[in-house]
Amino acid sequence: MRGLQLRWPHSSELALTFTLISGSALVLSSEYLIEQAEQQRQSVQQRLFAAHHNVASARADQEQLPALSALYRTLQARQVIGAAEPLNWQAQLEALRLQTPGLRYTLAAQQPYAALPPGQFIQTLSQVKLQLDLLHEGQLFDVLDKLRASEVGWFLLERCSLERTEPDMPTSRLNAECVGGWLNLHRAETT
């Protein structure tokens, strides 16, 4: 039986093996570093895109700010935003009643209202019920237009119904009943 002999590689074989192992390690580490660099590049690119989006959004907000500020001041002046003045609404209804024969109304106290999503403002509505005796439908539209054009408050119309007083007569009068109200927004108390 022959004995097992170990043979030591020649220095050139050893150098070649070392070079192959080192080269493989460099290739693998290079691939890992390239993959890491690509992930970092994508992350930076996403942050850059988000920053560009934020800057564009801020610029758009800045451009809209003067118009929104003017609208806010207009709504404050009309008492849509801020302290509600139901006496002003009462005065408008009374002036409208004097201009419109056959108009009767009731104005209720402010109640919570949720037309808009909850936010910094509490919404209330003072319900108005109108009853009108009319010669024709156009009179109803005139009354509603005057309420919408009011310089105090923001009138919201919920519904109207019309009914002939004498349905069999071609020239019969109309009765109208409408429900709506004045919307008010005021800042929620922060505690």
N, C-alpha and C. Protein backbone atom coordinates (compact mmCIF):
# COMPACT_ATOMS: atom_id res chain seq x y z
N MET A 1 0.82 -1.16 0.00
CA MET A 1 0.00 0.00 0.00
C MET A 1 0.87 1.23 0.00
N ARG A 2 0.44 2.04 -0.78
CA ARG A 2 1.20 3.27 -0.91
C ARG A 2 0.71 4.30 0.07
N GLY A 3 1.55 5.06 0.54
CA GLY A 3 1.17 6.10 1.48
C GLY A 3 0.71 7.38 0.78
N LEU A 4 -0.03 8.08 1.50
CA LEU A 4 -0.57 9.33 0.97
C LEU A 4 0.49 10.40 1.08
N GLN A 5 0.69 11.03 -0.03
CA GLN A 5 1.68 12.09 -0.03
C GLN A 5 1.00 13.43 -0.28
N LEU A 6 1.36 14.34 0.54
CA LEU A 6 0.86 15.70 0.34
C LEU A 6 1.87 16.46 -0.49
N ARG A 7 1.33 17.14 -1.40
CA ARG A 7 2.20 17.92 -2.25
C ARG A 7 1.87 19.38 -2.03
N TRP A 8 2.85 20.14 -1.75
CA TRP A 8 2.67 21.57 -1.58
C TRP A 8 2.67 22.23 -2.93
N PRO A 9 1.66 23.13 -3.13
CA PRO A 9 1.63 23.78 -4.44
C PRO A 9 2.84 24.66 -4.63
N HIS A 10 3.17 24.78 -5.88
CA HIS A 10 4.28 25.69 -6.20
C HIS A 10 3.81 27.11 -5.94
N SER A 11 4.76 27.95 -5.79
CA SER A 11 4.44 29.35 -5.50
C SER A 11 3.61 29.98 -6.60
N SER A 12 3.77 29.61 -7.83
CA SER A 12 2.97 30.17 -8.92
C SER A 12 1.53 29.69 -8.81
N GLU A 13 1.32 28.43 -8.43
CA GLU A 13 -0.04 27.93 -8.24
C GLU A 13 -0.70 28.62 -7.06
N LEU A 14 0.07 28.80 -6.02
CA LEU A 14 -0.43 29.49 -4.84
C LEU A 14 -0.79 30.93 -5.17
N ALA A 15 0.02 31.58 -5.92
CA ALA A 15 -0.25 32.96 -6.31
C ALA A 15 -1.49 33.04 -7.19
N LEU A 16 -1.65 32.07 -8.08
CA LEU A 16 -2.83 32.04 -8.95
C LEU A 16 -4.10 31.81 -8.14
N THR A 17 -4.05 30.89 -7.20
CA THR A 17 -5.21 30.61 -6.34
C THR A 17 -5.56 31.86 -5.52
N PHE A 18 -4.55 32.47 -4.95
CA PHE A 18 -4.78 33.69 -4.16
C PHE A 18 -5.37 34.79 -5.04
N THR A 19 -4.88 34.92 -6.24
CA THR A 19 -5.38 35.94 -7.17
C THR A 19 -6.83 35.66 -7.53
N LEU A 20 -7.16 34.38 -7.78
CA LEU A 20 -8.55 34.03 -8.12
C LEU A 20 -9.49 34.30 -6.94
N ILE A 21 -9.07 33.92 -5.76
CA ILE A 21 -9.90 34.16 -4.57
C ILE A 21 -10.06 35.65 -4.33
N SER A 22 -8.96 36.38 -4.43
CA SER A 22 -9.01 37.84 -4.22
C SER A 22 -9.87 38.50 -5.29
N GLY A 23 -9.72 38.07 -6.51
CA GLY A 23 -10.52 38.65 -7.59
C GLY A 23 -12.00 38.37 -7.40
N SER A 24 -12.31 37.13 -7.00
CA SER A 24 -13.72 36.79 -6.75
C SER A 24 -14.29 37.63 -5.61
N ALA A 25 -13.49 37.78 -4.56
CA ALA A 25 -13.94 38.61 -3.43
C ALA A 25 -14.15 40.05 -3.86
N LEU A 26 -13.26 40.57 -4.69
CA LEU A 26 -13.42 41.94 -5.18
C LEU A 26 -14.66 42.08 -6.05
N VAL A 27 -14.92 41.11 -6.90
CA VAL A 27 -16.11 41.16 -7.76
C VAL A 27 -17.36 41.13 -6.90
N LEU A 28 -17.40 40.21 -5.92
CA LEU A 28 -18.58 40.11 -5.04
C LEU A 28 -18.77 41.39 -4.23
N SER A 29 -17.67 41.90 -3.67
CA SER A 29 -17.82 43.12 -2.87
C SER A 29 -18.18 44.30 -3.76
N SER A 30 -17.67 44.32 -4.99
CA SER A 30 -18.03 45.39 -5.92
C SER A 30 -19.51 45.33 -6.25
N GLU A 31 -20.03 44.13 -6.50
CA GLU A 31 -21.46 43.99 -6.79
C GLU A 31 -22.29 44.45 -5.60
N TYR A 32 -21.85 44.10 -4.38
CA TYR A 32 -22.56 44.52 -3.17
C TYR A 32 -22.54 46.05 -3.06
N LEU A 33 -21.35 46.63 -3.29
CA LEU A 33 -21.23 48.09 -3.19
C LEU A 33 -22.05 48.78 -4.27
N ILE A 34 -22.11 48.21 -5.47
CA ILE A 34 -22.92 48.79 -6.55
C ILE A 34 -24.39 48.72 -6.18
N GLU A 35 -24.81 47.59 -5.61
CA GLU A 35 -26.22 47.44 -5.19
C GLU A 35 -26.57 48.45 -4.10
N GLN A 36 -25.67 48.62 -3.13
CA GLN A 36 -25.89 49.60 -2.07
C GLN A 36 -25.95 51.02 -2.63
N ALA A 37 -25.06 51.33 -3.55
CA ALA A 37 -25.06 52.66 -4.16
C ALA A 37 -26.34 52.90 -4.94
N GLU A 38 -26.86 51.88 -5.64
CA GLU A 38 -28.11 52.02 -6.39
C GLU A 38 -29.28 52.27 -5.43
N GLN A 39 -29.31 51.56 -4.32
CA GLN A 39 -30.38 51.77 -3.34
C GLN A 39 -30.31 53.18 -2.76
N GLN A 40 -29.10 53.64 -2.47
CA GLN A 40 -28.94 55.01 -1.95
C GLN A 40 -29.36 56.03 -3.00
N ARG A 41 -29.00 55.78 -4.27
CA ARG A 41 -29.38 56.70 -5.35
C ARG A 41 -30.90 56.78 -5.46
N GLN A 42 -31.58 55.64 -5.38
CA GLN A 42 -33.04 55.63 -5.46
C GLN A 42 -33.66 56.36 -4.28
N SER A 43 -33.10 56.15 -3.09
CA SER A 43 -33.60 56.84 -1.90
C SER A 43 -33.43 58.35 -2.01
N VAL A 44 -32.26 58.77 -2.47
CA VAL A 44 -32.01 60.21 -2.65
C VAL A 44 -32.93 60.78 -3.72
N GLN A 45 -33.14 60.01 -4.79
CA GLN A 45 -34.01 60.47 -5.86
C GLN A 45 -35.45 60.62 -5.36
N GLN A 46 -35.92 59.70 -4.52
CA GLN A 46 -37.26 59.81 -3.95
C GLN A 46 -37.38 61.02 -3.04
N ARG A 47 -36.36 61.26 -2.21
CA ARG A 47 -36.38 62.44 -1.33
C ARG A 47 -36.34 63.72 -2.15
N LEU A 48 -35.56 63.71 -3.22
CA LEU A 48 -35.49 64.89 -4.09
C LEU A 48 -36.83 65.15 -4.76
N PHE A 49 -37.50 64.10 -5.23
CA PHE A 49 -38.82 64.24 -5.83
C PHE A 49 -39.81 64.80 -4.81
N ALA A 50 -39.77 64.27 -3.58
CA ALA A 50 -40.67 64.76 -2.53
C ALA A 50 -40.38 66.23 -2.22
N ALA A 51 -39.11 66.60 -2.19
CA ALA A 51 -38.76 68.00 -1.92
C ALA A 51 -39.26 68.91 -3.04
N HIS A 52 -39.10 68.48 -4.30
CA HIS A 52 -39.61 69.26 -5.43
C HIS A 52 -41.13 69.41 -5.33
N HIS A 53 -41.81 68.33 -4.96
CA HIS A 53 -43.27 68.38 -4.82
C HIS A 53 -43.66 69.36 -3.71
N ASN A 54 -42.95 69.32 -2.59
CA ASN A 54 -43.25 70.22 -1.47
C ASN A 54 -43.03 71.68 -1.87
N VAL A 55 -41.96 71.94 -2.62
CA VAL A 55 -41.68 73.32 -3.06
C VAL A 55 -42.78 73.78 -4.02
N ALA A 56 -43.18 72.92 -4.96
CA ALA A 56 -44.23 73.30 -5.91
C ALA A 56 -45.55 73.54 -5.17
N SER A 57 -45.85 72.71 -4.19
CA SER A 57 -47.07 72.88 -3.41
C SER A 57 -47.03 74.19 -2.62
N ALA A 58 -45.88 74.48 -2.03
CA ALA A 58 -45.74 75.73 -1.27
C ALA A 58 -45.89 76.94 -2.18
N ARG A 59 -45.34 76.87 -3.38
CA ARG A 59 -45.49 77.98 -4.33
C ARG A 59 -46.94 78.17 -4.73
N ALA A 60 -47.64 77.06 -4.98
CA ALA A 60 -49.06 77.15 -5.35
C ALA A 60 -49.86 77.76 -4.20
N ASP A 61 -49.56 77.33 -2.96
CA ASP A 61 -50.24 77.91 -1.80
C ASP A 61 -49.95 79.40 -1.68
N GLN A 62 -48.70 79.76 -1.92
CA GLN A 62 -48.32 81.17 -1.84
C GLN A 62 -49.06 82.00 -2.88
N GLU A 63 -49.24 81.45 -4.07
CA GLU A 63 -49.96 82.18 -5.12
C GLU A 63 -51.44 82.31 -4.79
N GLN A 64 -52.03 81.32 -4.12
CA GLN A 64 -53.45 81.34 -3.79
C GLN A 64 -53.74 82.15 -2.53
N LEU A 65 -52.74 82.38 -1.71
CA LEU A 65 -52.95 83.03 -0.43
C LEU A 65 -53.65 84.38 -0.52
N PRO A 66 -53.27 85.29 -1.42
CA PRO A 66 -53.99 86.57 -1.47
C PRO A 66 -55.48 86.42 -1.78
N ALA A 67 -55.82 85.54 -2.71
CA ALA A 67 -57.24 85.34 -3.04
C ALA A 67 -57.98 84.70 -1.87
N LEU A 68 -57.37 83.73 -1.22
CA LEU A 68 -58.02 83.08 -0.08
C LEU A 68 -58.16 84.04 1.10
N SER A 69 -57.16 84.89 1.30
CA SER A 69 -57.24 85.89 2.38
C SER A 69 -58.38 86.88 2.10
N ALA A 70 -58.51 87.30 0.85
CA ALA A 70 -59.59 88.22 0.50
C ALA A 70 -60.95 87.55 0.71
N LEU A 71 -61.07 86.30 0.31
CA LEU A 71 -62.33 85.57 0.52
C LEU A 71 -62.63 85.43 2.00
N TYR A 72 -61.63 85.12 2.80
CA TYR A 72 -61.82 84.99 4.25
C TYR A 72 -62.31 86.32 4.84
N ARG A 73 -61.68 87.44 4.45
CA ARG A 73 -62.10 88.75 4.97
C ARG A 73 -63.52 89.08 4.52
N THR A 74 -63.89 88.71 3.28
CA THR A 74 -65.25 88.94 2.80
C THR A 74 -66.25 88.15 3.63
N LEU A 75 -65.93 86.89 3.90
CA LEU A 75 -66.84 86.06 4.71
C LEU A 75 -66.94 86.57 6.14
N GLN A 76 -65.85 87.12 6.67
CA GLN A 76 -65.91 87.73 8.00
C GLN A 76 -66.81 88.97 7.98
N ALA A 77 -66.65 89.80 6.94
CA ALA A 77 -67.45 91.01 6.84
C ALA A 77 -68.94 90.69 6.70
N ARG A 78 -69.25 89.59 6.02
CA ARG A 78 -70.65 89.17 5.85
C ARG A 78 -71.17 88.41 7.06
N GLN A 79 -70.34 88.22 8.07
CA GLN A 79 -70.69 87.51 9.30
C GLN A 79 -70.99 86.03 9.04
N VAL A 80 -70.35 85.46 8.02
CA VAL A 80 -70.43 84.03 7.80
C VAL A 80 -69.42 83.36 8.72
N ILE A 81 -68.25 83.98 8.84
CA ILE A 81 -67.20 83.50 9.75
C ILE A 81 -67.10 84.49 10.89
N GLY A 82 -67.08 83.99 12.10
CA GLY A 82 -66.95 84.84 13.27
C GLY A 82 -68.25 84.89 14.04
N ALA A 83 -68.39 85.93 14.81
CA ALA A 83 -69.57 86.07 15.67
C ALA A 83 -70.82 86.24 14.81
N ALA A 84 -71.80 85.40 15.08
CA ALA A 84 -73.07 85.48 14.35
C ALA A 84 -73.92 86.60 14.93
N GLU A 85 -74.66 87.24 14.06
CA GLU A 85 -75.55 88.33 14.47
C GLU A 85 -76.98 88.00 14.01
N PRO A 86 -77.70 87.16 14.74
CA PRO A 86 -79.06 86.80 14.33
C PRO A 86 -79.98 88.02 14.19
N LEU A 87 -79.71 89.10 14.92
CA LEU A 87 -80.55 90.29 14.78
C LEU A 87 -80.42 90.88 13.37
N ASN A 88 -79.23 90.78 12.78
CA ASN A 88 -79.06 91.24 11.39
C ASN A 88 -79.88 90.38 10.43
N TRP A 89 -79.93 89.08 10.68
CA TRP A 89 -80.71 88.18 9.84
C TRP A 89 -82.20 88.50 9.99
N GLN A 90 -82.60 88.76 11.23
CA GLN A 90 -83.99 89.12 11.51
C GLN A 90 -84.34 90.41 10.77
N ALA A 91 -83.44 91.39 10.80
CA ALA A 91 -83.69 92.65 10.11
C ALA A 91 -83.80 92.44 8.60
N GLN A 92 -82.98 91.55 8.04
CA GLN A 92 -83.06 91.28 6.60
C GLN A 92 -84.39 90.62 6.25
N LEU A 93 -84.81 89.68 7.06
CA LEU A 93 -86.08 89.01 6.80
C LEU A 93 -87.24 90.00 6.91
N GLU A 94 -87.16 90.88 7.89
CA GLU A 94 -88.23 91.86 8.06
C GLU A 94 -88.27 92.83 6.88
N ALA A 95 -87.10 93.27 6.39
CA ALA A 95 -87.06 94.16 5.23
C ALA A 95 -87.62 93.44 4.00
N LEU A 96 -87.31 92.17 3.86
CA LEU A 96 -87.83 91.38 2.74
C LEU A 96 -89.34 91.20 2.86
N ARG A 97 -89.82 91.02 4.09
CA ARG A 97 -91.26 90.88 4.30
C ARG A 97 -92.00 92.15 3.91
N LEU A 98 -91.42 93.31 4.21
CA LEU A 98 -92.05 94.57 3.85
C LEU A 98 -92.07 94.78 2.34
N GLN A 99 -91.09 94.23 1.62
CA GLN A 99 -91.03 94.36 0.16
C GLN A 99 -91.90 93.31 -0.54
N THR A 100 -92.27 92.26 0.16
CA THR A 100 -92.96 91.13 -0.47
C THR A 100 -94.28 90.86 0.25
N PRO A 101 -95.38 91.39 -0.28
CA PRO A 101 -96.67 91.12 0.36
C PRO A 101 -96.94 89.61 0.38
N GLY A 102 -97.49 89.12 1.48
CA GLY A 102 -97.82 87.71 1.58
C GLY A 102 -96.68 86.84 2.09
N LEU A 103 -95.57 87.45 2.51
CA LEU A 103 -94.43 86.68 3.04
C LEU A 103 -94.53 86.60 4.55
N ARG A 104 -94.41 85.38 5.05
CA ARG A 104 -94.34 85.14 6.50
C ARG A 104 -93.10 84.29 6.75
N TYR A 105 -92.49 84.47 7.91
CA TYR A 105 -91.27 83.72 8.18
C TYR A 105 -91.14 83.41 9.67
N THR A 106 -90.31 82.42 9.95
CA THR A 106 -89.87 82.14 11.33
C THR A 106 -88.36 81.90 11.26
N LEU A 107 -87.68 82.42 12.26
CA LEU A 107 -86.23 82.28 12.36
C LEU A 107 -85.93 81.56 13.66
N ALA A 108 -85.31 80.40 13.58
CA ALA A 108 -84.99 79.60 14.77
C ALA A 108 -83.60 79.97 15.29
N ALA A 109 -83.34 79.56 16.51
CA ALA A 109 -82.03 79.78 17.12
C ALA A 109 -80.99 78.91 16.41
N GLN A 110 -79.75 79.29 16.57
CA GLN A 110 -78.67 78.54 15.94
C GLN A 110 -78.59 77.13 16.51
N GLN A 111 -78.36 76.18 15.61
CA GLN A 111 -78.21 74.77 15.98
C GLN A 111 -76.93 74.25 15.33
N PRO A 112 -76.32 73.23 15.92
CA PRO A 112 -75.13 72.63 15.27
C PRO A 112 -75.49 72.14 13.87
N TYR A 113 -74.54 72.27 12.98
CA TYR A 113 -74.75 71.90 11.57
C TYR A 113 -73.45 71.29 11.06
N ALA A 114 -73.53 70.29 10.22
CA ALA A 114 -72.32 69.62 9.75
C ALA A 114 -72.33 69.48 8.23
N ALA A 115 -72.25 70.59 7.53
CA ALA A 115 -72.20 70.55 6.06
C ALA A 115 -70.78 70.32 5.57
N LEU A 116 -69.81 70.76 6.34
CA LEU A 116 -68.41 70.64 5.96
C LEU A 116 -67.73 69.62 6.86
N PRO A 117 -66.61 69.06 6.41
CA PRO A 117 -65.88 68.13 7.28
C PRO A 117 -65.43 68.84 8.55
N PRO A 118 -65.38 68.14 9.67
CA PRO A 118 -64.95 68.77 10.92
C PRO A 118 -63.54 69.35 10.76
N GLY A 119 -63.32 70.46 11.42
CA GLY A 119 -62.02 71.10 11.33
C GLY A 119 -61.87 72.13 12.41
N GLN A 120 -61.29 73.26 12.04
CA GLN A 120 -61.04 74.33 13.00
C GLN A 120 -62.28 75.15 13.30
N PHE A 121 -63.36 74.95 12.54
CA PHE A 121 -64.55 75.76 12.71
C PHE A 121 -65.73 74.92 13.19
N ILE A 122 -66.52 75.52 14.04
CA ILE A 122 -67.80 74.95 14.45
C ILE A 122 -68.85 75.56 13.53
N GLN A 123 -69.72 74.72 13.00
CA GLN A 123 -70.74 75.18 12.05
C GLN A 123 -72.10 75.20 12.75
N THR A 124 -72.80 76.30 12.56
CA THR A 124 -74.17 76.40 13.08
C THR A 124 -75.08 76.90 11.96
N LEU A 125 -76.36 76.60 12.11
CA LEU A 125 -77.35 77.04 11.14
C LEU A 125 -78.56 77.56 11.91
N SER A 126 -79.01 78.73 11.52
CA SER A 126 -80.26 79.28 12.05
C SER A 126 -81.32 79.02 11.01
N GLN A 127 -82.21 78.08 11.30
CA GLN A 127 -83.20 77.66 10.32
C GLN A 127 -84.24 78.75 10.09
N VAL A 128 -84.59 78.92 8.81
CA VAL A 128 -85.59 79.88 8.39
C VAL A 128 -86.69 79.12 7.65
N LYS A 129 -87.93 79.37 8.05
CA LYS A 129 -89.08 78.83 7.30
C LYS A 129 -89.80 80.01 6.69
N LEU A 130 -90.01 79.91 5.40
CA LEU A 130 -90.71 80.97 4.67
C LEU A 130 -92.04 80.43 4.16
N GLN A 131 -93.06 81.24 4.25
CA GLN A 131 -94.35 80.93 3.63
C GLN A 131 -94.73 82.14 2.80
N LEU A 132 -95.12 81.89 1.54
CA LEU A 132 -95.42 82.98 0.63
C LEU A 132 -96.71 82.70 -0.11
N ASP A 133 -97.48 83.76 -0.28
CA ASP A 133 -98.63 83.73 -1.19
C ASP A 133 -98.16 84.43 -2.45
N LEU A 134 -98.25 83.73 -3.59
CA LEU A 134 -97.66 84.23 -4.83
C LEU A 134 -98.68 84.30 -5.95
N LEU A 135 -98.43 85.21 -6.89
CA LEU A 135 -99.21 85.25 -8.12
C LEU A 135 -98.59 84.32 -9.16
N HIS A 136 -97.25 84.19 -9.12
CA HIS A 136 -96.55 83.33 -10.08
C HIS A 136 -95.22 82.88 -9.46
N GLU A 137 -94.59 81.87 -10.08
CA GLU A 137 -93.36 81.28 -9.55
C GLU A 137 -92.20 82.27 -9.51
N GLY A 138 -92.18 83.21 -10.42
CA GLY A 138 -91.10 84.19 -10.49
C GLY A 138 -90.92 84.96 -9.19
N GLN A 139 -92.01 85.19 -8.48
CA GLN A 139 -91.90 85.91 -7.21
C GLN A 139 -91.07 85.11 -6.20
N LEU A 140 -91.22 83.79 -6.22
CA LEU A 140 -90.44 82.95 -5.32
C LEU A 140 -88.95 83.08 -5.64
N PHE A 141 -88.61 83.04 -6.93
CA PHE A 141 -87.21 83.16 -7.32
C PHE A 141 -86.63 84.52 -6.91
N ASP A 142 -87.45 85.57 -7.01
CA ASP A 142 -86.99 86.89 -6.59
C ASP A 142 -86.64 86.90 -5.09
N VAL A 143 -87.51 86.32 -4.28
CA VAL A 143 -87.27 86.28 -2.83
C VAL A 143 -86.00 85.48 -2.53
N LEU A 144 -85.85 84.31 -3.16
CA LEU A 144 -84.67 83.48 -2.91
C LEU A 144 -83.39 84.16 -3.38
N ASP A 145 -83.46 84.86 -4.52
CA ASP A 145 -82.29 85.60 -5.00
C ASP A 145 -81.89 86.69 -4.02
N LYS A 146 -82.87 87.38 -3.44
CA LYS A 146 -82.57 88.43 -2.47
C LYS A 146 -81.93 87.84 -1.21
N LEU A 147 -82.39 86.68 -0.79
CA LEU A 147 -81.78 86.04 0.38
C LEU A 147 -80.33 85.63 0.09
N ARG A 148 -80.10 85.08 -1.09
CA ARG A 148 -78.73 84.66 -1.45
C ARG A 148 -77.80 85.86 -1.62
N ALA A 149 -78.33 86.97 -2.09
CA ALA A 149 -77.52 88.16 -2.32
C ALA A 149 -77.33 88.98 -1.05
N SER A 150 -77.87 88.50 0.04
CA SER A 150 -77.77 89.21 1.31
C SER A 150 -76.33 89.56 1.63
N GLU A 151 -76.13 90.76 2.16
CA GLU A 151 -74.79 91.20 2.52
C GLU A 151 -74.39 90.73 3.90
N VAL A 152 -75.32 90.15 4.62
CA VAL A 152 -75.02 89.61 5.94
C VAL A 152 -75.42 88.15 5.95
N GLY A 153 -74.46 87.30 6.23
CA GLY A 153 -74.74 85.87 6.34
C GLY A 153 -74.65 85.15 5.01
N TRP A 154 -74.80 83.84 5.11
CA TRP A 154 -74.77 82.96 3.94
C TRP A 154 -76.00 82.09 4.03
N PHE A 155 -76.98 82.39 3.17
CA PHE A 155 -78.25 81.68 3.20
C PHE A 155 -78.15 80.40 2.38
N LEU A 156 -78.53 79.29 3.00
CA LEU A 156 -78.57 77.98 2.32
C LEU A 156 -80.02 77.55 2.19
N LEU A 157 -80.42 77.21 0.99
CA LEU A 157 -81.78 76.74 0.75
C LEU A 157 -81.78 75.22 0.81
N GLU A 158 -82.68 74.67 1.63
CA GLU A 158 -82.78 73.22 1.75
C GLU A 158 -83.85 72.66 0.82
N ARG A 159 -85.04 73.27 0.86
CA ARG A 159 -86.12 72.76 0.00
C ARG A 159 -87.23 73.81 -0.10
N CYS A 160 -88.03 73.66 -1.17
CA CYS A 160 -89.23 74.49 -1.37
C CYS A 160 -90.33 73.61 -1.93
N SER A 161 -91.54 73.97 -1.61
CA SER A 161 -92.68 73.29 -2.23
C SER A 161 -93.68 74.36 -2.68
N LEU A 162 -94.31 74.10 -3.80
CA LEU A 162 -95.32 75.01 -4.36
C LEU A 162 -96.65 74.26 -4.46
N GLU A 163 -97.72 75.00 -4.19
CA GLU A 163 -99.04 74.38 -4.27
C GLU A 163 -100.03 75.44 -4.75
N ARG A 164 -100.91 75.06 -5.66
CA ARG A 164 -101.96 75.97 -6.13
C ARG A 164 -103.05 76.06 -5.05
N THR A 165 -103.54 77.28 -4.84
CA THR A 165 -104.61 77.45 -3.84
C THR A 165 -105.94 76.94 -4.37
N GLU A 166 -106.18 77.13 -5.65
CA GLU A 166 -107.40 76.64 -6.29
C GLU A 166 -106.98 75.87 -7.53
N PRO A 167 -106.69 74.58 -7.42
CA PRO A 167 -106.11 73.82 -8.52
C PRO A 167 -106.96 73.80 -9.78
N ASP A 168 -108.26 73.97 -9.66
CA ASP A 168 -109.13 73.89 -10.84
C ASP A 168 -109.16 75.19 -11.64
N MET A 169 -108.69 76.25 -11.06
CA MET A 169 -108.73 77.56 -11.72
C MET A 169 -107.41 77.80 -12.47
N PRO A 170 -107.47 78.26 -13.74
CA PRO A 170 -106.24 78.49 -14.51
C PRO A 170 -105.40 79.65 -13.97
N THR A 171 -106.02 80.60 -13.28
CA THR A 171 -105.26 81.75 -12.78
C THR A 171 -105.20 81.74 -11.26
N SER A 172 -105.18 80.58 -10.68
CA SER A 172 -105.17 80.51 -9.21
C SER A 172 -103.81 80.94 -8.65
N ARG A 173 -103.85 81.37 -7.45
CA ARG A 173 -102.63 81.80 -6.76
C ARG A 173 -101.84 80.59 -6.30
N LEU A 174 -100.60 80.85 -5.86
CA LEU A 174 -99.72 79.78 -5.39
C LEU A 174 -99.35 80.02 -3.93
N ASN A 175 -99.17 78.93 -3.22
CA ASN A 175 -98.60 78.99 -1.87
C ASN A 175 -97.24 78.30 -1.95
N ALA A 176 -96.25 78.94 -1.38
CA ALA A 176 -94.91 78.36 -1.35
C ALA A 176 -94.47 78.23 0.10
N GLU A 177 -93.79 77.14 0.36
CA GLU A 177 -93.18 76.95 1.68
C GLU A 177 -91.74 76.51 1.44
N CYS A 178 -90.82 77.25 2.02
CA CYS A 178 -89.39 76.96 1.84
C CYS A 178 -88.73 76.84 3.20
N VAL A 179 -87.72 75.99 3.24
CA VAL A 179 -86.91 75.82 4.45
C VAL A 179 -85.45 76.00 4.06
N GLY A 180 -84.75 76.75 4.85
CA GLY A 180 -83.32 76.99 4.63
C GLY A 180 -82.74 77.53 5.92
N GLY A 181 -81.70 78.30 5.80
CA GLY A 181 -81.13 78.89 7.00
C GLY A 181 -79.85 79.64 6.73
N TRP A 182 -79.41 80.37 7.76
CA TRP A 182 -78.17 81.11 7.69
C TRP A 182 -77.06 80.31 8.35
N LEU A 183 -76.00 80.08 7.58
CA LEU A 183 -74.85 79.32 8.05
C LEU A 183 -73.87 80.27 8.71
N ASN A 184 -73.29 79.79 9.81
CA ASN A 184 -72.25 80.56 10.49
C ASN A 184 -71.13 79.61 10.88
N LEU A 185 -69.90 80.09 10.72
CA LEU A 185 -68.72 79.33 11.13
C LEU A 185 -67.96 80.16 12.14
N HIS A 186 -67.60 79.55 13.25
CA HIS A 186 -66.74 80.25 14.21
C HIS A 186 -65.69 79.28 14.72
N ARG A 187 -64.57 79.85 15.08
CA ARG A 187 -63.42 79.03 15.49
C ARG A 187 -63.77 78.19 16.71
N ALA A 188 -63.34 76.94 16.65
CA ALA A 188 -63.51 76.05 17.79
C ALA A 188 -62.57 76.52 18.90
N GLU A 189 -63.06 76.47 20.11
CA GLU A 189 -62.24 76.85 21.26
C GLU A 189 -61.16 75.79 21.46
N THR A 190 -59.92 76.23 21.59
CA THR A 190 -58.82 75.30 21.86
C THR A 190 -58.44 75.43 23.31
N THR A 191 -58.41 74.29 23.97
CA THR A 191 -58.06 74.33 25.41
C THR A 191 -56.83 73.51 25.66
